[in-house]
Amino acid sequence: MESKHLEIIYQESDYDELDAERKRLYDAALAASGHAYAPYSHFQVGTAALLKNGEIVMGNNQENAAYPSALCAERVALFAACATYPDIPVLRLAIIAQANGEVKESISPCGACRQVMLEVEQRSKMPMEILLCGKKKVKMFKGITSLLPFTFTADDL
């Protein structure tokens, strides 16, 4: 048996060190989280997707008393972006969460959202930068394979 090593490379920055475009995306995700429908978990997640045409499409988590019927913020934003601008690539996706009005440290997308992010990247044939935004730091990843290293794609079918 052979052991293998997996390394994930990402950048980390303070909000103040971000360029204007990334700050704008962070702020849009934060605003989106404030409008999340989270009456059960009280955990409000917001996302903002920057498209190649300059548009920002926001999403937030939408909970439901029938829990499996709920939808994560990442999928809300990406599905809206792909439905509204089907041929425009997503350049960046910012994700942030807050609970009881307080921004949390950076959170990571669930497995289902990672799979959707992979499909969106494959549709556009280019990786999107992913910003995991926290109250103190922003982690920046170059593409979903940094967060989903063993992918399942149409080639596997």
Protein backbone atom coordinates (compact mmCIF):
# COMPACT_ATOMS: atom_id res chain seq x y z
CA MET A 1 0.00 0.00 0.00
CA GLU A 2 1.28 3.43 -0.95
CA SER A 3 0.46 6.60 1.00
CA LYS A 4 -0.36 9.75 -0.95
CA HIS A 5 -0.27 13.38 0.12
CA LEU A 6 -2.83 16.02 -0.81
CA GLU A 7 -2.05 19.72 -0.48
CA ILE A 8 -4.53 22.59 -0.70
CA ILE A 9 -3.14 25.99 -1.61
CA TYR A 10 -5.09 29.16 -0.91
CA GLN A 11 -4.47 32.78 -0.05
CA GLU A 12 -5.69 34.49 3.09
CA SER A 13 -6.25 38.20 3.49
CA ASP A 14 -7.77 40.74 5.83
CA TYR A 15 -10.80 42.55 4.44
CA ASP A 16 -8.83 45.82 4.34
CA GLU A 17 -6.20 44.20 2.10
CA LEU A 18 -8.72 43.13 -0.55
CA ASP A 19 -8.94 44.99 -3.84
CA ALA A 20 -12.08 47.01 -4.59
CA GLU A 21 -13.73 44.25 -6.65
CA ARG A 22 -13.32 41.62 -3.94
CA LYS A 23 -14.54 44.07 -1.26
CA ARG A 24 -17.62 44.75 -3.38
CA LEU A 25 -18.28 41.02 -3.65
CA TYR A 26 -17.75 40.48 0.10
CA ASP A 27 -20.15 43.33 0.86
CA ALA A 28 -22.77 41.94 -1.54
CA ALA A 29 -22.56 38.48 0.07
CA LEU A 30 -22.89 40.07 3.51
CA ALA A 31 -25.96 42.02 2.39
CA ALA A 32 -27.46 38.84 0.92
CA SER A 33 -26.93 36.98 4.20
CA GLY A 34 -29.01 39.62 5.97
CA HIS A 35 -31.99 38.65 3.82
CA ALA A 36 -31.66 34.87 4.24
CA TYR A 37 -34.78 33.00 5.26
CA ALA A 38 -33.44 31.02 8.23
CA PRO A 39 -36.23 30.83 10.85
CA TYR A 40 -35.15 27.35 12.01
CA SER A 41 -31.36 27.42 12.16
CA HIS A 42 -30.92 31.21 12.57
CA PHE A 43 -27.77 30.66 10.51
CA GLN A 44 -27.88 33.13 7.63
CA VAL A 45 -25.65 32.43 4.66
CA GLY A 46 -25.17 34.84 1.78
CA THR A 47 -23.36 34.51 -1.50
CA ALA A 48 -22.46 36.83 -4.32
CA ALA A 49 -21.38 35.62 -7.75
CA LEU A 50 -19.39 37.99 -9.96
CA LEU A 51 -20.00 37.22 -13.62
CA LYS A 52 -17.64 37.94 -16.51
CA ASN A 53 -20.03 40.67 -17.74
CA GLY A 54 -19.62 42.52 -14.41
CA GLU A 55 -23.03 41.58 -13.00
CA ILE A 56 -23.26 40.39 -9.40
CA VAL A 57 -25.92 37.79 -8.65
CA MET A 58 -26.71 37.25 -4.98
CA GLY A 59 -28.20 34.30 -3.14
CA ASN A 60 -28.97 33.27 0.41
CA ASN A 61 -30.15 30.17 2.20
CA GLN A 62 -33.86 29.44 2.04
CA GLU A 63 -35.06 27.16 4.81
CA ASN A 64 -38.28 25.19 4.94
CA ALA A 65 -40.13 23.34 7.71
CA ALA A 66 -39.66 20.25 5.53
CA TYR A 67 -35.87 20.48 5.88
CA PRO A 68 -34.88 18.62 2.68
CA SER A 69 -36.85 21.22 0.70
CA ALA A 70 -34.47 23.98 1.77
CA LEU A 71 -31.70 25.28 -0.49
CA CYS A 72 -28.21 26.57 0.29
CA ALA A 73 -27.14 30.10 -0.60
CA GLU A 74 -24.46 28.95 -3.04
CA ARG A 75 -26.92 27.00 -5.16
CA VAL A 76 -29.50 29.79 -5.05
CA ALA A 77 -26.94 32.26 -6.46
CA LEU A 78 -25.40 29.91 -9.02
CA PHE A 79 -28.73 28.62 -10.32
CA ALA A 80 -30.01 32.21 -10.61
CA ALA A 81 -26.83 33.28 -12.42
CA CYS A 82 -27.00 30.34 -14.85
CA ALA A 83 -30.72 30.85 -15.46
CA THR A 84 -30.40 34.58 -16.08
CA TYR A 85 -27.01 34.60 -17.86
CA PRO A 86 -26.59 31.03 -19.21
CA ASP A 87 -23.53 31.77 -21.34
CA ILE A 88 -21.68 34.11 -18.97
CA PRO A 89 -18.96 32.51 -16.78
CA VAL A 90 -18.85 33.05 -13.04
CA LEU A 91 -15.48 34.61 -12.19
CA ARG A 92 -15.78 34.70 -8.39
CA LEU A 93 -18.11 33.45 -5.69
CA ALA A 94 -18.06 34.97 -2.19
CA ILE A 95 -19.66 33.09 0.72
CA ILE A 96 -20.33 34.48 4.20
CA ALA A 97 -22.44 33.50 7.20
CA GLN A 98 -23.84 35.23 10.24
CA ALA A 99 -25.82 34.13 13.25
CA ASN A 100 -27.76 36.49 15.49
CA GLY A 101 -26.37 39.46 13.56
CA GLU A 102 -22.73 38.48 14.08
CA VAL A 103 -20.51 37.50 11.14
CA LYS A 104 -18.97 34.08 11.69
CA GLU A 105 -15.50 32.94 10.79
CA SER A 106 -15.33 31.65 7.22
CA ILE A 107 -17.49 28.65 6.41
CA SER A 108 -17.03 26.09 3.68
CA PRO A 109 -19.74 25.01 1.20
CA CYS A 110 -21.47 21.66 1.65
CA GLY A 111 -20.80 18.75 -0.69
CA ALA A 112 -23.89 19.36 -2.83
CA CYS A 113 -22.89 22.98 -3.37
CA ARG A 114 -19.33 21.97 -4.24
CA GLN A 115 -20.68 19.59 -6.87
CA VAL A 116 -22.84 22.36 -8.37
CA MET A 117 -19.85 24.72 -8.35
CA LEU A 118 -17.87 22.11 -10.27
CA GLU A 119 -20.61 21.79 -12.88
CA VAL A 120 -20.78 25.60 -13.28
CA GLU A 121 -17.02 25.69 -13.83
CA GLN A 122 -17.24 22.92 -16.39
CA ARG A 123 -20.05 24.66 -18.27
CA SER A 124 -17.92 27.77 -18.67
CA LYS A 125 -14.65 25.86 -19.11
CA MET A 126 -12.92 28.04 -16.54
CA PRO A 127 -12.39 27.95 -12.77
CA MET A 128 -14.06 30.47 -10.50
CA GLU A 129 -12.26 32.02 -7.58
CA ILE A 130 -13.96 31.13 -4.30
CA LEU A 131 -13.86 33.54 -1.38
CA LEU A 132 -14.71 32.10 2.02
CA CYS A 133 -15.40 35.27 3.97
CA GLY A 134 -15.13 35.60 7.73
CA LYS A 135 -15.30 38.50 10.12
CA LYS A 136 -11.50 38.76 10.25
CA LYS A 137 -10.07 36.86 7.29
CA VAL A 138 -10.97 35.94 3.72
CA LYS A 139 -9.68 32.67 2.29
CA MET A 140 -9.33 32.67 -1.51
CA PHE A 141 -9.23 29.49 -3.59
CA LYS A 142 -8.50 29.21 -7.31
CA GLY A 143 -11.28 26.94 -8.42
CA ILE A 144 -13.48 24.31 -6.85
CA THR A 145 -10.95 21.49 -7.21
CA SER A 146 -9.14 23.09 -4.25
CA LEU A 147 -12.21 22.28 -2.14
CA LEU A 148 -13.32 19.19 -4.04
CA PRO A 149 -10.14 17.41 -5.14
CA PHE A 150 -11.73 14.10 -6.20
CA THR A 151 -14.41 15.20 -8.63
CA PHE A 152 -17.34 13.40 -10.18
CA THR A 153 -18.05 14.72 -13.67
CA ALA A 154 -19.95 13.78 -16.82
CA ASP A 155 -16.82 11.88 -17.90
CA ASP A 156 -17.44 9.46 -15.01
CA LEU A 157 -20.91 8.51 -16.29
